[in-house]
Amino acid sequence: MNERLLRAGAVAAMALMFIGAILMVHWPSGGTDQISSQEVGGVLFGQADGSGYGLVVLLIGVLLLVAMLGGIFLAKEEKE
């Protein structure tokens, strides 16, 4: 019973911290300074001059895929 109460208190504390963090953020009011999806794509993939973060995002994705496959390989049980 005591362990359940401790877990419930921990979950409630985490929930309050999460809600507090959300309420402390200064959210934009949705004025005229909205960014279009075309501008986001231009920043992400860059223009014709080769700027942008597309290659970096691709390399991070490949790194995460390899890490996930390595974790699966290491977690697999060997049959004798």
PDB file of N, CA and C in Angstrom:
ATOM      1  N   MET A   1       0.830  -1.198   0.000  1.00  0.00           N
ATOM      2  CA  MET A   1       0.000   0.000   0.000  1.00  0.00           C
ATOM      3  C   MET A   1       0.867   1.250   0.000  1.00  0.00           C
ATOM      4  N   ASN A   2       1.937   1.223   0.798  1.00  0.00           N
ATOM      5  CA  ASN A   2       2.820   2.369   0.902  1.00  0.00           C
ATOM      6  C   ASN A   2       3.541   2.639  -0.425  1.00  0.00           C
ATOM      7  N   GLU A   3       3.915   1.568  -1.119  1.00  0.00           N
ATOM      8  CA  GLU A   3       4.597   1.715  -2.413  1.00  0.00           C
ATOM      9  C   GLU A   3       3.655   2.313  -3.458  1.00  0.00           C
ATOM     10  N   ARG A   4       2.397   1.906  -3.421  1.00  0.00           N
ATOM     11  CA  ARG A   4       1.415   2.471  -4.365  1.00  0.00           C
ATOM     12  C   ARG A   4       1.214   3.964  -4.123  1.00  0.00           C
ATOM     13  N   LEU A   5       1.175   4.349  -2.871  1.00  0.00           N
ATOM     14  CA  LEU A   5       1.009   5.758  -2.522  1.00  0.00           C
ATOM     15  C   LEU A   5       2.214   6.572  -2.983  1.00  0.00           C
ATOM     16  N   LEU A   6       3.392   6.010  -2.837  1.00  0.00           N
ATOM     17  CA  LEU A   6       4.607   6.672  -3.288  1.00  0.00           C
ATOM     18  C   LEU A   6       4.611   6.844  -4.813  1.00  0.00           C
ATOM     19  N   ARG A   7       4.210   5.802  -5.514  1.00  0.00           N
ATOM     20  CA  ARG A   7       4.134   5.887  -6.980  1.00  0.00           C
ATOM     21  C   ARG A   7       3.103   6.921  -7.421  1.00  0.00           C
ATOM     22  N   ALA A   8       1.948   6.922  -6.770  1.00  0.00           N
ATOM     23  CA  ALA A   8       0.907   7.888  -7.120  1.00  0.00           C
ATOM     24  C   ALA A   8       1.377   9.314  -6.861  1.00  0.00           C
ATOM     25  N   GLY A   9       2.096   9.523  -5.777  1.00  0.00           N
ATOM     26  CA  GLY A   9       2.638  10.844  -5.491  1.00  0.00           C
ATOM     27  C   GLY A   9       3.673  11.276  -6.514  1.00  0.00           C
ATOM     28  N   ALA A  10       4.511  10.336  -6.944  1.00  0.00           N
ATOM     29  CA  ALA A  10       5.520  10.649  -7.960  1.00  0.00           C
ATOM     30  C   ALA A  10       4.866  11.003  -9.289  1.00  0.00           C
ATOM     31  N   VAL A  11       3.829  10.254  -9.658  1.00  0.00           N
ATOM     32  CA  VAL A  11       3.120  10.544 -10.912  1.00  0.00           C
ATOM     33  C   VAL A  11       2.427  11.901 -10.826  1.00  0.00           C
ATOM     34  N   ALA A  12       1.819  12.194  -9.695  1.00  0.00           N
ATOM     35  CA  ALA A  12       1.149  13.485  -9.528  1.00  0.00           C
ATOM     36  C   ALA A  12       2.161  14.632  -9.568  1.00  0.00           C
ATOM     37  N   ALA A  13       3.320  14.439  -8.956  1.00  0.00           N
ATOM     38  CA  ALA A  13       4.354  15.482  -8.979  1.00  0.00           C
ATOM     39  C   ALA A  13       4.858  15.719 -10.391  1.00  0.00           C
ATOM     40  N   MET A  14       5.080  14.652 -11.139  1.00  0.00           N
ATOM     41  CA  MET A  14       5.537  14.797 -12.527  1.00  0.00           C
ATOM     42  C   MET A  14       4.480  15.482 -13.383  1.00  0.00           C
ATOM     43  N   ALA A  15       3.208  15.137 -13.157  1.00  0.00           N
ATOM     44  CA  ALA A  15       2.135  15.768 -13.913  1.00  0.00           C
ATOM     45  C   ALA A  15       2.056  17.261 -13.610  1.00  0.00           C
ATOM     46  N   LEU A  16       2.194  17.628 -12.349  1.00  0.00           N
ATOM     47  CA  LEU A  16       2.179  19.049 -11.983  1.00  0.00           C
ATOM     48  C   LEU A  16       3.370  19.794 -12.574  1.00  0.00           C
ATOM     49  N   MET A  17       4.542  19.158 -12.583  1.00  0.00           N
ATOM     50  CA  MET A  17       5.712  19.793 -13.201  1.00  0.00           C
ATOM     51  C   MET A  17       5.512  19.984 -14.696  1.00  0.00           C
ATOM     52  N   PHE A  18       4.926  18.988 -15.352  1.00  0.00           N
ATOM     53  CA  PHE A  18       4.668  19.071 -16.788  1.00  0.00           C
ATOM     54  C   PHE A  18       3.671  20.188 -17.095  1.00  0.00           C
ATOM     55  N   ILE A  19       2.604  20.248 -16.334  1.00  0.00           N
ATOM     56  CA  ILE A  19       1.600  21.292 -16.543  1.00  0.00           C
ATOM     57  C   ILE A  19       2.192  22.668 -16.256  1.00  0.00           C
ATOM     58  N   GLY A  20       2.995  22.764 -15.200  1.00  0.00           N
ATOM     59  CA  GLY A  20       3.654  24.031 -14.887  1.00  0.00           C
ATOM     60  C   GLY A  20       4.599  24.486 -15.991  1.00  0.00           C
ATOM     61  N   ALA A  21       5.339  23.543 -16.572  1.00  0.00           N
ATOM     62  CA  ALA A  21       6.253  23.893 -17.664  1.00  0.00           C
ATOM     63  C   ALA A  21       5.480  24.379 -18.884  1.00  0.00           C
ATOM     64  N   ILE A  22       4.345  23.761 -19.173  1.00  0.00           N
ATOM     65  CA  ILE A  22       3.532  24.195 -20.320  1.00  0.00           C
ATOM     66  C   ILE A  22       2.967  25.586 -20.073  1.00  0.00           C
ATOM     67  N   LEU A  23       2.520  25.850 -18.848  1.00  0.00           N
ATOM     68  CA  LEU A  23       1.928  27.153 -18.551  1.00  0.00           C
ATOM     69  C   LEU A  23       2.962  28.273 -18.511  1.00  0.00           C
ATOM     70  N   MET A  24       4.233  27.950 -18.264  1.00  0.00           N
ATOM     71  CA  MET A  24       5.273  28.969 -18.199  1.00  0.00           C
ATOM     72  C   MET A  24       5.786  29.400 -19.578  1.00  0.00           C
ATOM     73  N   VAL A  25       5.476  28.649 -20.619  1.00  0.00           N
ATOM     74  CA  VAL A  25       5.963  28.968 -21.963  1.00  0.00           C
ATOM     75  C   VAL A  25       5.175  30.147 -22.515  1.00  0.00           C
ATOM     76  N   HIS A  26       5.892  31.061 -23.147  1.00  0.00           N
ATOM     77  CA  HIS A  26       5.234  32.196 -23.802  1.00  0.00           C
ATOM     78  C   HIS A  26       4.822  31.753 -25.207  1.00  0.00           C
ATOM     79  N   TRP A  27       3.559  31.394 -25.355  1.00  0.00           N
ATOM     80  CA  TRP A  27       3.060  30.920 -26.641  1.00  0.00           C
ATOM     81  C   TRP A  27       2.715  32.107 -27.523  1.00  0.00           C
ATOM     82  N   PRO A  28       3.019  32.031 -28.822  1.00  0.00           N
ATOM     83  CA  PRO A  28       2.666  33.137 -29.719  1.00  0.00           C
ATOM     84  C   PRO A  28       1.155  33.275 -29.840  1.00  0.00           C
ATOM     85  N   SER A  29       0.722  34.497 -30.033  1.00  0.00           N
ATOM     86  CA  SER A  29      -0.717  34.757 -30.071  1.00  0.00           C
ATOM     87  C   SER A  29      -1.324  34.527 -31.449  1.00  0.00           C
ATOM     88  N   GLY A  30      -0.529  34.159 -32.428  1.00  0.00           N
ATOM     89  CA  GLY A  30      -1.068  33.891 -33.759  1.00  0.00           C
ATOM     90  C   GLY A  30      -1.278  35.159 -34.563  1.00  0.00           C
ATOM     91  N   GLY A  31      -0.387  36.103 -34.401  1.00  0.00           N
ATOM     92  CA  GLY A  31      -0.491  37.372 -35.125  1.00  0.00           C
ATOM     93  C   GLY A  31      -0.072  37.234 -36.579  1.00  0.00           C
ATOM     94  N   THR A  32       0.438  38.320 -37.130  1.00  0.00           N
ATOM     95  CA  THR A  32       0.791  38.337 -38.552  1.00  0.00           C
ATOM     96  C   THR A  32       2.183  37.764 -38.821  1.00  0.00           C
ATOM     97  N   ASP A  33       2.918  37.375 -37.785  1.00  0.00           N
ATOM     98  CA  ASP A  33       4.274  36.865 -37.985  1.00  0.00           C
ATOM     99  C   ASP A  33       4.315  35.342 -38.127  1.00  0.00           C
ATOM    100  N   GLN A  34       3.329  34.779 -38.772  1.00  0.00           N
ATOM    101  CA  GLN A  34       3.267  33.343 -38.977  1.00  0.00           C
ATOM    102  C   GLN A  34       4.237  32.930 -40.073  1.00  0.00           C
ATOM    103  N   ILE A  35       4.828  31.758 -39.924  1.00  0.00           N
ATOM    104  CA  ILE A  35       5.778  31.234 -40.892  1.00  0.00           C
ATOM    105  C   ILE A  35       5.057  30.221 -41.772  1.00  0.00           C
ATOM    106  N   SER A  36       5.256  30.330 -43.070  1.00  0.00           N
ATOM    107  CA  SER A  36       4.604  29.399 -43.981  1.00  0.00           C
ATOM    108  C   SER A  36       5.422  28.117 -44.094  1.00  0.00           C
ATOM    109  N   SER A  37       4.793  27.081 -44.595  1.00  0.00           N
ATOM    110  CA  SER A  37       5.494  25.816 -44.771  1.00  0.00           C
ATOM    111  C   SER A  37       6.572  25.927 -45.845  1.00  0.00           C
ATOM    112  N   GLN A  38       6.397  26.827 -46.783  1.00  0.00           N
ATOM    113  CA  GLN A  38       7.411  27.037 -47.815  1.00  0.00           C
ATOM    114  C   GLN A  38       8.688  27.617 -47.194  1.00  0.00           C
ATOM    115  N   GLU A  39       8.548  28.522 -46.244  1.00  0.00           N
ATOM    116  CA  GLU A  39       9.709  29.089 -45.568  1.00  0.00           C
ATOM    117  C   GLU A  39      10.410  28.043 -44.704  1.00  0.00           C
ATOM    118  N   VAL A  40       9.627  27.189 -44.050  1.00  0.00           N
ATOM    119  CA  VAL A  40      10.221  26.123 -43.245  1.00  0.00           C
ATOM    120  C   VAL A  40      11.002  25.161 -44.142  1.00  0.00           C
ATOM    121  N   GLY A  41      10.444  24.804 -45.278  1.00  0.00           N
ATOM    122  CA  GLY A  41      11.144  23.941 -46.227  1.00  0.00           C
ATOM    123  C   GLY A  41      12.406  24.584 -46.761  1.00  0.00           C
ATOM    124  N   GLY A  42      12.356  25.894 -47.011  1.00  0.00           N
ATOM    125  CA  GLY A  42      13.541  26.599 -47.483  1.00  0.00           C
ATOM    126  C   GLY A  42      14.655  26.594 -46.462  1.00  0.00           C
ATOM    127  N   VAL A  43      14.311  26.738 -45.181  1.00  0.00           N
ATOM    128  CA  VAL A  43      15.325  26.718 -44.131  1.00  0.00           C
ATOM    129  C   VAL A  43      15.862  25.304 -43.945  1.00  0.00           C
ATOM    130  N   LEU A  44      14.975  24.302 -43.986  1.00  0.00           N
ATOM    131  CA  LEU A  44      15.395  22.931 -43.748  1.00  0.00           C
ATOM    132  C   LEU A  44      16.273  22.400 -44.871  1.00  0.00           C
ATOM    133  N   PHE A  45      15.818  22.555 -46.099  1.00  0.00           N
ATOM    134  CA  PHE A  45      16.534  21.973 -47.231  1.00  0.00           C
ATOM    135  C   PHE A  45      17.402  22.973 -47.965  1.00  0.00           C
ATOM    136  N   GLY A  46      17.298  24.236 -47.659  1.00  0.00           N
ATOM    137  CA  GLY A  46      18.153  25.248 -48.257  1.00  0.00           C
ATOM    138  C   GLY A  46      17.729  25.619 -49.663  1.00  0.00           C
ATOM    139  N   GLN A  47      18.446  26.560 -50.204  1.00  0.00           N
ATOM    140  CA  GLN A  47      18.192  27.021 -51.562  1.00  0.00           C
ATOM    141  C   GLN A  47      19.158  26.305 -52.500  1.00  0.00           C
ATOM    142  N   ALA A  48      19.308  26.805 -53.693  1.00  0.00           N
ATOM    143  CA  ALA A  48      20.170  26.180 -54.684  1.00  0.00           C
ATOM    144  C   ALA A  48      21.651  26.300 -54.330  1.00  0.00           C
ATOM    145  N   ASP A  49      21.999  27.164 -53.377  1.00  0.00           N
ATOM    146  CA  ASP A  49      23.403  27.360 -53.023  1.00  0.00           C
ATOM    147  C   ASP A  49      23.949  26.287 -52.085  1.00  0.00           C
ATOM    148  N   GLY A  50      23.146  25.309 -51.713  1.00  0.00           N
ATOM    149  CA  GLY A  50      23.615  24.209 -50.876  1.00  0.00           C
ATOM    150  C   GLY A  50      23.481  24.447 -49.389  1.00  0.00           C
ATOM    151  N   SER A  51      22.857  25.533 -48.990  1.00  0.00           N
ATOM    152  CA  SER A  51      22.661  25.764 -47.565  1.00  0.00           C
ATOM    153  C   SER A  51      21.487  24.922 -47.076  1.00  0.00           C
ATOM    154  N   GLY A  52      21.349  24.808 -45.789  1.00  0.00           N
ATOM    155  CA  GLY A  52      20.229  24.073 -45.223  1.00  0.00           C
ATOM    156  C   GLY A  52      20.692  22.914 -44.377  1.00  0.00           C
ATOM    157  N   TYR A  53      19.726  22.233 -43.802  1.00  0.00           N
ATOM    158  CA  TYR A  53      20.004  21.168 -42.850  1.00  0.00           C
ATOM    159  C   TYR A  53      19.530  19.807 -43.346  1.00  0.00           C
ATOM    160  N   GLY A  54      19.189  19.675 -44.600  1.00  0.00           N
ATOM    161  CA  GLY A  54      18.672  18.407 -45.120  1.00  0.00           C
ATOM    162  C   GLY A  54      19.637  17.259 -44.967  1.00  0.00           C
ATOM    163  N   LEU A  55      20.907  17.487 -45.289  1.00  0.00           N
ATOM    164  CA  LEU A  55      21.913  16.436 -45.183  1.00  0.00           C
ATOM    165  C   LEU A  55      22.136  16.047 -43.723  1.00  0.00           C
ATOM    166  N   VAL A  56      22.137  17.018 -42.843  1.00  0.00           N
ATOM    167  CA  VAL A  56      22.334  16.741 -41.420  1.00  0.00           C
ATOM    168  C   VAL A  56      21.183  15.890 -40.883  1.00  0.00           C
ATOM    169  N   VAL A  57      19.959  16.235 -41.253  1.00  0.00           N
ATOM    170  CA  VAL A  57      18.795  15.466 -40.799  1.00  0.00           C
ATOM    171  C   VAL A  57      18.863  14.042 -41.351  1.00  0.00           C
ATOM    172  N   LEU A  58      19.290  13.888 -42.596  1.00  0.00           N
ATOM    173  CA  LEU A  58      19.416  12.567 -43.194  1.00  0.00           C
ATOM    174  C   LEU A  58      20.471  11.737 -42.460  1.00  0.00           C
ATOM    175  N   LEU A  59      21.620  12.335 -42.165  1.00  0.00           N
ATOM    176  CA  LEU A  59      22.675  11.604 -41.469  1.00  0.00           C
ATOM    177  C   LEU A  59      22.259  11.226 -40.051  1.00  0.00           C
ATOM    178  N   ILE A  60      21.548  12.097 -39.360  1.00  0.00           N
ATOM    179  CA  ILE A  60      21.060  11.770 -38.017  1.00  0.00           C
ATOM    180  C   ILE A  60      20.051  10.622 -38.087  1.00  0.00           C
ATOM    181  N   GLY A  61      19.202  10.636 -39.109  1.00  0.00           N
ATOM    182  CA  GLY A  61      18.242   9.549 -39.274  1.00  0.00           C
ATOM    183  C   GLY A  61      18.929   8.212 -39.508  1.00  0.00           C
ATOM    184  N   VAL A  62      19.973   8.205 -40.327  1.00  0.00           N
ATOM    185  CA  VAL A  62      20.720   6.968 -40.579  1.00  0.00           C
ATOM    186  C   VAL A  62      21.420   6.511 -39.304  1.00  0.00           C
ATOM    187  N   LEU A  63      21.995   7.454 -38.549  1.00  0.00           N
ATOM    188  CA  LEU A  63      22.654   7.104 -37.296  1.00  0.00           C
ATOM    189  C   LEU A  63      21.669   6.489 -36.306  1.00  0.00           C
ATOM    190  N   LEU A  64      20.476   7.070 -36.187  1.00  0.00           N
ATOM    191  CA  LEU A  64      19.463   6.512 -35.284  1.00  0.00           C
ATOM    192  C   LEU A  64      18.999   5.128 -35.739  1.00  0.00           C
ATOM    193  N   LEU A  65      18.883   4.925 -37.053  1.00  0.00           N
ATOM    194  CA  LEU A  65      18.491   3.614 -37.575  1.00  0.00           C
ATOM    195  C   LEU A  65      19.538   2.569 -37.234  1.00  0.00           C
ATOM    196  N   VAL A  66      20.801   2.899 -37.441  1.00  0.00           N
ATOM    197  CA  VAL A  66      21.872   1.955 -37.131  1.00  0.00           C
ATOM    198  C   VAL A  66      21.918   1.664 -35.632  1.00  0.00           C
ATOM    199  N   ALA A  67      21.734   2.682 -34.804  1.00  0.00           N
ATOM    200  CA  ALA A  67      21.730   2.473 -33.359  1.00  0.00           C
ATOM    201  C   ALA A  67      20.566   1.582 -32.934  1.00  0.00           C
ATOM    202  N   MET A  68      19.402   1.782 -33.545  1.00  0.00           N
ATOM    203  CA  MET A  68      18.246   0.961 -33.202  1.00  0.00           C
ATOM    204  C   MET A  68      18.475  -0.494 -33.625  1.00  0.00           C
ATOM    205  N   LEU A  69      19.004  -0.698 -34.813  1.00  0.00           N
ATOM    206  CA  LEU A  69      19.271  -2.066 -35.260  1.00  0.00           C
ATOM    207  C   LEU A  69      20.347  -2.727 -34.400  1.00  0.00           C
ATOM    208  N   GLY A  70      21.351  -1.968 -33.998  1.00  0.00           N
ATOM    209  CA  GLY A  70      22.373  -2.518 -33.112  1.00  0.00           C
ATOM    210  C   GLY A  70      21.802  -2.901 -31.755  1.00  0.00           C
ATOM    211  N   GLY A  71      20.909  -2.076 -31.230  1.00  0.00           N
ATOM    212  CA  GLY A  71      20.263  -2.404 -29.961  1.00  0.00           C
ATOM    213  C   GLY A  71      19.409  -3.655 -30.060  1.00  0.00           C
ATOM    214  N   ILE A  72      18.711  -3.802 -31.167  1.00  0.00           N
ATOM    215  CA  ILE A  72      17.891  -5.007 -31.372  1.00  0.00           C
ATOM    216  C   ILE A  72      18.783  -6.231 -31.479  1.00  0.00           C
ATOM    217  N   PHE A  73      19.902  -6.093 -32.210  1.00  0.00           N
ATOM    218  CA  PHE A  73      20.825  -7.221 -32.359  1.00  0.00           C
ATOM    219  C   PHE A  73      21.421  -7.630 -31.007  1.00  0.00           C
ATOM    220  N   LEU A  74      21.787  -6.655 -30.186  1.00  0.00           N
ATOM    221  CA  LEU A  74      22.361  -6.962 -28.886  1.00  0.00           C
ATOM    222  C   LEU A  74      21.331  -7.540 -27.920  1.00  0.00           C
ATOM    223  N   ALA A  75      20.078  -7.160 -28.059  1.00  0.00           N
ATOM    224  CA  ALA A  75      19.046  -7.634 -27.129  1.00  0.00           C
ATOM    225  C   ALA A  75      18.515  -9.016 -27.502  1.00  0.00           C
ATOM    226  N   LYS A  76      18.811  -9.467 -28.717  1.00  0.00           N
ATOM    227  CA  LYS A  76      18.330 -10.771 -29.161  1.00  0.00           C
ATOM    228  C   LYS A  76      18.993 -11.893 -28.364  1.00  0.00           C
ATOM    229  N   GLU A  77      18.208 -12.875 -27.986  1.00  0.00           N
ATOM    230  CA  GLU A  77      18.763 -14.005 -27.260  1.00  0.00           C
ATOM    231  C   GLU A  77      19.339 -15.000 -28.249  1.00  0.00           C
ATOM    232  N   GLU A  78      20.457 -15.595 -27.858  1.00  0.00           N
ATOM    233  CA  GLU A  78      21.077 -16.613 -28.696  1.00  0.00           C
ATOM    234  C   GLU A  78      20.514 -17.974 -28.333  1.00  0.00           C
ATOM    235  N   LYS A  79      20.227 -18.773 -29.346  1.00  0.00           N
ATOM    236  CA  LYS A  79      19.748 -20.135 -29.116  1.00  0.00           C
ATOM    237  C   LYS A  79      20.928 -21.087 -29.284  1.00  0.00           C
ATOM    238  N   GLU A  80      21.036 -22.009 -28.360  1.00  0.00           N
ATOM    239  CA  GLU A  80      22.143 -22.957 -28.432  1.00  0.00           C
ATOM    240  C   GLU A  80      21.706 -24.283 -28.982  1.00  0.00           C
TER     241      GLU A  80
END
